[in-house]
Amino acid sequence: MELKKIRLYSFRSYSDQEFEFSHKVNLILGPNGSGKTNLMEAIAYTSIGKSVRYHLDNDLMKNGEDSFAVDAVYSDEESLPLRIQLSFQERRKLLKINSKVAARLSELFSLVKVIYSAPEDILLINGGPSLRRQYFDLAIAQLFPDYLEKLRNYLHAVDQRNKLFKTEFDAEEKKVWDKRFISTLLELYPYREKYLKLINEVLEKTIETNGSSPGFSLSYEPVQKEAFSRDEQGWEKSLKNVQSSEIKWQRCMLGAHLDDYLFEIESNNMRSFASQGQKRMAVIRLKTAQAQLIEKHTGIKPILLFDDIFAELDEKHSHQVRSLIDPNHQIFVASPNRDIEGIFEDAKVISLGDIR
């Protein structure tokens, strides 16, 4: 997959501007505040239909405007054009794929694969569980797009049970939603279990071929022990065990929406036992491993976005990152410093203002 060009209308700092790209490496250079990250965010927006930087759609509009639009032209694996148009106006978002209105934003997940990396990715290790769940839900959906529907159904069941606990509910009604909760949970967990197996296999191979720093692995930290292996009867028993607590706190006390992922280095939690440098390299390794998985299991070459990550790395680690990237993937690197050109040779340079 290759992004040929993109046009931004009233998106963040851009009024109306078009960019064309190389099919290999694109360096987006400019001082802070020149629009580098806004351009990267717009590219990522065309792959998932929302901000990878957790901005609300209202916050993506240029100051003083009441709408925005992003128009991107890709080339797929068969060199056929793929046009993605996204617009937002009056709290309504519209997606067009090859000029036809799409019924759901989730249609993008089967077509466009973009992986975004930024310095704040270190929060995947240092931050709270919700950030990790959000990241891995997106990562799983990039590999298995039907996971989104399973997740949507599960979260609906969680929401209904939570609402139920805030009322004088009927026992039979609770049984209905308990069964719905369990059935959707049992549909969701196999995706998470399979993904962890696949990503750990790639991470292990990555360390074997780039073994200059300690490797890491991922494990699953469920609220309910042995969550992946529990059957319907096991979950019914678990819900009975926590029923008094759920009634007291008026919310679901078990399930995938509360589980966590653990980054481990030499069998220790990276959050406590890894250096900042090791953590930064770990999340970059995770993103490049994700790229390998996407290509292997979907046949689509993902596009990689690196938003100012090299400012946090020394020269040795910067070259390590370069060695992790598949040269057959289209790459975008944003930086305020021209020194990055020494790492990425033969790259197309897009200058946004005066550069150091």
Protein backbone atom coordinates (compact mmCIF):
# COMPACT_ATOMS: atom_id res chain seq x y z
CA MET A 1 0.00 0.00 0.00
CA GLU A 2 1.19 3.49 -0.81
CA LEU A 3 -0.13 6.97 -0.04
CA LYS A 4 0.22 9.01 -3.24
CA LYS A 5 -1.12 12.34 -2.04
CA ILE A 6 -3.33 13.96 0.56
CA ARG A 7 -5.24 17.23 0.65
CA LEU A 8 -6.31 18.91 3.88
CA TYR A 9 -9.17 21.38 4.17
CA SER A 10 -9.46 23.35 7.44
CA PHE A 11 -7.71 20.50 9.26
CA ARG A 12 -5.85 21.69 12.36
CA SER A 13 -3.35 24.34 11.15
CA TYR A 14 -4.04 23.81 7.44
CA SER A 15 -6.52 25.88 5.43
CA ASP A 16 -6.18 24.16 2.08
CA GLN A 17 -2.98 22.33 1.24
CA GLU A 18 -1.99 19.29 -0.79
CA PHE A 19 1.05 17.05 -0.37
CA GLU A 20 2.49 14.43 -2.71
CA PHE A 21 4.71 11.63 -1.42
CA SER A 22 7.44 9.20 -2.37
CA HIS A 23 6.62 5.49 -2.28
CA LYS A 24 9.67 4.95 -0.03
CA VAL A 25 10.80 7.40 2.68
CA ASN A 26 9.27 10.83 3.29
CA LEU A 27 10.94 13.23 5.73
CA ILE A 28 8.61 15.94 7.01
CA LEU A 29 10.94 18.57 8.38
CA GLY A 30 10.14 21.82 10.15
CA PRO A 31 10.32 23.62 13.49
CA ASN A 32 7.87 22.95 16.28
CA GLY A 33 4.50 24.44 15.42
CA SER A 34 5.01 24.19 11.65
CA GLY A 35 2.34 21.51 11.18
CA LYS A 36 4.39 18.30 11.06
CA THR A 37 2.31 16.43 13.61
CA ASN A 38 -0.93 17.77 12.12
CA LEU A 39 0.01 16.27 8.76
CA MET A 40 0.92 12.94 10.36
CA GLU A 41 -2.35 12.96 12.29
CA ALA A 42 -4.28 13.57 9.08
CA ILE A 43 -2.62 10.60 7.37
CA ALA A 44 -3.45 8.34 10.32
CA TYR A 45 -7.01 9.70 10.35
CA THR A 46 -7.61 8.21 6.91
CA SER A 47 -6.88 4.73 8.27
CA ILE A 48 -9.16 4.60 11.32
CA GLY A 49 -11.53 7.54 10.92
CA LYS A 50 -10.56 9.18 14.18
CA SER A 51 -7.61 10.93 15.77
CA VAL A 52 -4.72 8.72 16.89
CA ARG A 53 -3.82 11.51 19.31
CA TYR A 54 -7.19 11.28 21.10
CA HIS A 55 -8.49 14.60 19.76
CA LEU A 56 -12.23 15.00 19.37
CA ASP A 57 -13.40 15.70 15.82
CA ASN A 58 -14.40 19.22 16.89
CA ASP A 59 -10.79 19.81 17.91
CA LEU A 60 -9.49 18.90 14.46
CA MET A 61 -11.11 21.92 12.79
CA LYS A 62 -8.92 24.91 12.07
CA ASN A 63 -9.65 27.81 14.42
CA GLY A 64 -12.66 29.78 13.24
CA GLU A 65 -13.93 27.05 10.91
CA ASP A 66 -17.02 24.87 11.35
CA SER A 67 -15.92 21.84 9.32
CA PHE A 68 -12.89 19.98 7.98
CA ALA A 69 -12.11 17.43 5.27
CA VAL A 70 -9.27 15.07 4.40
CA ASP A 71 -8.93 13.67 0.89
CA ALA A 72 -6.30 10.94 0.39
CA VAL A 73 -5.35 8.93 -2.69
CA TYR A 74 -3.71 5.57 -2.07
CA SER A 75 -2.49 2.83 -4.36
CA ASP A 76 -3.33 -0.68 -3.22
CA GLU A 77 -1.29 -3.89 -3.58
CA GLU A 78 -2.45 -4.28 -7.20
CA SER A 79 -1.55 -0.64 -7.99
CA LEU A 80 -5.23 0.27 -8.20
CA PRO A 81 -6.21 3.73 -6.91
CA LEU A 82 -8.03 3.93 -3.60
CA ARG A 83 -9.52 7.29 -2.66
CA ILE A 84 -10.46 7.93 0.96
CA GLN A 85 -12.48 11.07 1.73
CA LEU A 86 -13.44 12.01 5.28
CA SER A 87 -15.34 15.11 6.28
CA PHE A 88 -16.88 16.45 9.46
CA GLN A 89 -19.56 19.12 9.73
CA GLU A 90 -22.38 19.80 12.19
CA ARG A 91 -21.34 16.85 14.37
CA ARG A 92 -21.69 14.51 11.41
CA LYS A 93 -18.84 12.52 9.93
CA LEU A 94 -18.95 11.27 6.35
CA LEU A 95 -16.71 8.63 4.81
CA LYS A 96 -16.45 8.06 1.08
CA ILE A 97 -14.44 5.21 -0.43
CA ASN A 98 -13.79 5.69 -4.15
CA SER A 99 -16.49 8.39 -4.15
CA LYS A 100 -19.14 6.07 -2.68
CA VAL A 101 -20.58 6.76 0.79
CA ALA A 102 -19.54 4.07 3.27
CA ALA A 103 -22.03 2.77 5.81
CA ARG A 104 -19.48 2.43 8.62
CA LEU A 105 -16.09 3.88 9.50
CA SER A 106 -14.95 0.36 10.30
CA GLU A 107 -14.78 -0.34 6.56
CA LEU A 108 -11.44 1.48 6.63
CA PHE A 109 -9.86 -1.26 8.73
CA SER A 110 -10.00 -3.71 5.84
CA LEU A 111 -8.47 -1.26 3.37
CA VAL A 112 -5.90 1.07 4.91
CA LYS A 113 -3.23 0.02 7.38
CA VAL A 114 -1.28 2.83 9.06
CA ILE A 115 0.94 2.48 12.13
CA TYR A 116 1.62 5.68 14.08
CA SER A 117 4.54 6.08 16.49
CA ALA A 118 5.20 9.06 18.76
CA PRO A 119 7.24 9.83 21.92
CA GLU A 120 4.12 9.49 24.09
CA ASP A 121 3.93 5.80 23.12
CA ILE A 122 6.08 5.16 26.19
CA LEU A 123 2.80 5.53 28.11
CA LEU A 124 1.87 2.10 26.77
CA ILE A 125 4.29 0.89 29.44
CA ASN A 126 4.25 3.70 31.99
CA GLY A 127 0.56 4.64 31.71
CA GLY A 128 -2.72 3.11 32.83
CA PRO A 129 -4.52 -0.03 31.59
CA SER A 130 -7.07 1.88 29.50
CA LEU A 131 -4.31 3.14 27.17
CA ARG A 132 -3.03 -0.38 26.63
CA ARG A 133 -6.51 -1.77 26.02
CA GLN A 134 -7.18 0.99 23.52
CA TYR A 135 -3.93 0.36 21.67
CA PHE A 136 -4.29 -3.42 21.50
CA ASP A 137 -7.97 -3.24 20.48
CA LEU A 138 -6.88 -1.14 17.49
CA ALA A 139 -3.92 -3.43 16.76
CA ILE A 140 -6.14 -6.54 16.80
CA ALA A 141 -8.71 -4.83 14.55
CA GLN A 142 -5.99 -4.01 12.02
CA LEU A 143 -5.27 -7.73 11.79
CA PHE A 144 -8.84 -9.02 12.18
CA PRO A 145 -11.35 -6.30 11.18
CA ASP A 146 -14.35 -8.35 12.38
CA TYR A 147 -12.95 -7.97 15.92
CA LEU A 148 -14.50 -4.48 15.98
CA GLU A 149 -18.01 -5.89 15.72
CA LYS A 150 -17.28 -8.41 18.48
CA LEU A 151 -15.92 -5.61 20.68
CA ARG A 152 -18.91 -3.39 19.95
CA ASN A 153 -21.33 -6.17 20.94
CA TYR A 154 -19.41 -6.91 24.12
CA LEU A 155 -19.24 -3.27 25.22
CA HIS A 156 -22.97 -2.91 24.58
CA ALA A 157 -23.60 -5.84 26.94
CA VAL A 158 -21.32 -4.25 29.56
CA ASP A 159 -23.15 -0.93 29.22
CA GLN A 160 -26.57 -2.58 29.61
CA ARG A 161 -25.47 -4.49 32.71
CA ASN A 162 -24.07 -1.29 34.22
CA LYS A 163 -27.39 0.48 33.60
CA LEU A 164 -29.23 -2.48 35.09
CA PHE A 165 -27.31 -2.25 38.36
CA LYS A 166 -28.46 1.35 38.77
CA THR A 167 -32.13 0.27 38.84
CA GLU A 168 -34.43 -1.98 40.85
CA PHE A 169 -33.75 -4.74 38.37
CA ASP A 170 -35.62 -7.99 37.89
CA ALA A 171 -33.62 -11.19 38.42
CA GLU A 172 -34.78 -12.66 35.10
CA GLU A 173 -33.74 -9.53 33.26
CA LYS A 174 -30.29 -9.79 34.83
CA LYS A 175 -30.03 -13.41 33.68
CA VAL A 176 -30.68 -12.29 30.10
CA TRP A 177 -27.89 -9.72 30.20
CA ASP A 178 -25.56 -12.07 32.08
CA LYS A 179 -25.91 -14.56 29.22
CA ARG A 180 -25.39 -11.82 26.66
CA PHE A 181 -22.32 -10.61 28.53
CA ILE A 182 -20.83 -14.11 28.69
CA SER A 183 -21.57 -15.00 25.05
CA THR A 184 -20.01 -11.78 23.70
CA LEU A 185 -17.02 -12.16 26.04
CA LEU A 186 -16.42 -15.71 24.81
CA GLU A 187 -16.48 -14.39 21.22
CA LEU A 188 -13.98 -11.64 22.06
CA TYR A 189 -11.31 -13.48 24.05
CA PRO A 190 -10.11 -15.82 21.27
CA TYR A 191 -9.05 -12.78 19.23
CA ARG A 192 -6.96 -11.39 22.09
CA GLU A 193 -5.44 -14.79 22.83
CA LYS A 194 -4.55 -15.40 19.17
CA TYR A 195 -3.10 -11.90 18.75
CA LEU A 196 -0.83 -12.25 21.79
CA LYS A 197 0.52 -15.53 20.46
CA LEU A 198 1.21 -14.01 17.03
CA ILE A 199 2.81 -10.78 18.25
CA ASN A 200 5.04 -12.62 20.75
CA GLU A 201 6.27 -14.92 17.99
CA VAL A 202 7.29 -11.92 15.87
CA LEU A 203 8.88 -10.14 18.83
CA GLU A 204 10.95 -13.23 19.63
CA LYS A 205 12.20 -13.44 16.03
CA THR A 206 12.95 -9.71 16.01
CA ILE A 207 15.17 -10.06 19.06
CA GLU A 208 16.97 -13.04 17.53
CA THR A 209 17.89 -11.02 14.44
CA ASN A 210 18.47 -7.69 16.23
CA GLY A 211 19.82 -8.94 19.53
CA SER A 212 21.79 -5.89 20.59
CA SER A 213 19.40 -5.10 23.46
CA PRO A 214 17.29 -7.22 25.85
CA GLY A 215 14.09 -8.55 24.40
CA PHE A 216 10.61 -8.24 25.84
CA SER A 217 7.35 -10.11 25.63
CA LEU A 218 3.69 -9.42 26.25
CA SER A 219 1.38 -11.22 28.64
CA TYR A 220 -2.30 -10.86 29.49
CA GLU A 221 -3.42 -9.71 32.92
CA PRO A 222 -7.14 -10.52 33.31
CA VAL A 223 -9.23 -9.53 36.31
CA GLN A 224 -10.50 -13.12 36.38
CA LYS A 225 -7.73 -15.72 36.50
CA GLU A 226 -7.52 -18.16 33.60
CA ALA A 227 -9.95 -15.96 31.66
CA PHE A 228 -9.04 -17.38 28.25
CA SER A 229 -9.79 -20.98 29.28
CA ARG A 230 -13.09 -20.42 31.10
CA ASP A 231 -16.26 -21.75 29.49
CA GLU A 232 -19.85 -20.52 29.84
CA GLN A 233 -20.43 -22.40 33.10
CA GLY A 234 -17.17 -21.04 34.53
CA TRP A 235 -18.20 -17.47 33.77
CA GLU A 236 -21.66 -18.00 35.24
CA LYS A 237 -19.99 -19.10 38.46
CA SER A 238 -17.65 -16.08 38.36
CA LEU A 239 -20.57 -13.69 37.97
CA LYS A 240 -22.34 -15.26 40.94
CA ASN A 241 -19.19 -14.80 43.03
CA VAL A 242 -19.04 -11.06 42.31
CA GLN A 243 -22.79 -10.36 42.23
CA SER A 244 -22.89 -8.62 45.61
CA SER A 245 -19.94 -6.40 44.66
CA GLU A 246 -21.48 -5.53 41.29
CA ILE A 247 -24.75 -4.54 42.96
CA LYS A 248 -22.88 -2.49 45.54
CA TRP A 249 -20.69 -0.66 43.02
CA GLN A 250 -23.37 -0.64 40.28
CA ARG A 251 -21.04 -1.84 37.53
CA CYS A 252 -19.46 -4.92 35.94
CA MET A 253 -16.53 -6.14 38.01
CA LEU A 254 -15.13 -8.71 35.56
CA GLY A 255 -14.38 -8.84 31.85
CA ALA A 256 -12.28 -7.76 28.91
CA HIS A 257 -13.04 -4.06 29.48
CA LEU A 258 -11.08 -4.24 32.78
CA ASP A 259 -8.23 -6.58 31.78
CA ASP A 260 -4.67 -5.39 31.21
CA TYR A 261 -1.58 -6.21 29.15
CA LEU A 262 1.88 -6.55 30.69
CA PHE A 263 5.22 -5.71 29.05
CA GLU A 264 7.88 -8.02 30.49
CA ILE A 265 11.67 -7.91 30.26
CA GLU A 266 13.53 -10.97 31.57
CA SER A 267 10.29 -12.04 33.33
CA ASN A 268 9.97 -8.67 35.10
CA ASN A 269 7.44 -5.88 34.60
CA MET A 270 9.09 -3.32 32.30
CA ARG A 271 7.29 -0.50 34.05
CA SER A 272 9.49 -1.05 37.14
CA PHE A 273 12.55 -2.86 35.79
CA ALA A 274 13.36 -1.27 32.41
CA SER A 275 15.20 1.97 31.66
CA GLN A 276 13.50 4.77 29.75
CA GLY A 277 15.63 3.90 26.72
CA GLN A 278 14.60 0.25 26.87
CA LYS A 279 10.96 1.26 27.11
CA ARG A 280 11.20 3.56 24.11
CA MET A 281 12.84 0.86 22.01
CA ALA A 282 10.28 -1.69 23.20
CA VAL A 283 7.29 0.30 21.94
CA ILE A 284 9.05 0.94 18.61
CA ARG A 285 9.79 -2.79 18.31
CA LEU A 286 6.12 -3.43 19.05
CA LYS A 287 5.04 -1.13 16.20
CA THR A 288 7.46 -2.68 13.67
CA ALA A 289 6.34 -6.15 14.76
CA GLN A 290 2.75 -5.04 14.18
CA ALA A 291 3.75 -4.01 10.64
CA GLN A 292 5.13 -7.50 9.96
CA LEU A 293 1.97 -9.13 11.28
CA ILE A 294 -0.30 -6.95 9.17
CA GLU A 295 1.55 -7.74 5.96
CA LYS A 296 1.72 -11.47 6.72
CA HIS A 297 -1.94 -11.92 7.69
CA THR A 298 -3.68 -9.38 5.43
CA GLY A 299 -1.35 -9.13 2.44
CA ILE A 300 -1.35 -5.34 2.81
CA LYS A 301 1.91 -3.46 3.30
CA PRO A 302 1.25 -0.99 6.14
CA ILE A 303 2.43 2.61 6.10
CA LEU A 304 4.64 3.62 9.04
CA LEU A 305 4.51 7.07 10.63
CA PHE A 306 7.28 8.15 13.02
CA ASP A 307 6.37 11.47 14.61
CA ASP A 308 9.49 13.03 16.16
CA ILE A 309 10.55 9.81 17.90
CA PHE A 310 14.22 10.25 17.03
CA ALA A 311 14.55 13.32 19.27
CA GLU A 312 14.32 10.91 22.22
CA LEU A 313 16.95 8.46 20.89
CA ASP A 314 20.73 8.59 20.64
CA GLU A 315 22.52 7.85 17.35
CA LYS A 316 22.98 4.15 18.13
CA HIS A 317 19.31 3.57 18.88
CA SER A 318 18.24 5.71 15.92
CA HIS A 319 20.14 3.43 13.55
CA GLN A 320 18.69 0.42 15.37
CA VAL A 321 15.21 1.71 14.61
CA ARG A 322 16.16 2.13 10.95
CA SER A 323 17.31 -1.49 10.84
CA LEU A 324 13.95 -2.67 12.23
CA ILE A 325 11.97 -1.04 9.40
CA ASP A 326 11.17 -3.08 6.32
CA PRO A 327 12.55 -1.10 3.34
CA ASN A 328 9.55 -2.23 1.26
CA HIS A 329 7.16 -0.23 3.47
CA GLN A 330 6.34 3.40 2.83
CA ILE A 331 7.70 5.50 5.69
CA PHE A 332 6.96 8.99 7.01
CA VAL A 333 9.32 10.60 9.53
CA ALA A 334 8.62 13.99 11.13
CA SER A 335 11.48 15.89 12.74
CA PRO A 336 12.59 19.45 13.50
CA ASN A 337 16.19 18.57 12.68
CA ARG A 338 17.89 17.92 9.33
CA ASP A 339 20.30 15.47 10.98
CA ILE A 340 17.64 12.82 10.41
CA GLU A 341 18.61 12.84 6.72
CA GLY A 342 21.80 11.00 7.71
CA ILE A 343 19.70 8.04 8.88
CA PHE A 344 17.27 7.95 5.95
CA GLU A 345 19.13 8.29 2.67
CA ASP A 346 17.42 8.94 -0.68
CA ALA A 347 14.33 10.25 1.10
CA LYS A 348 11.91 12.84 -0.22
CA VAL A 349 12.09 15.95 1.98
CA ILE A 350 8.97 17.99 2.65
CA SER A 351 9.95 21.25 4.32
CA LEU A 352 7.49 23.10 6.53
CA GLY A 353 9.27 26.32 7.49
CA ASP A 354 12.82 27.03 8.60
CA ILE A 355 14.68 23.90 9.66
CA ARG A 356 17.71 23.58 11.90
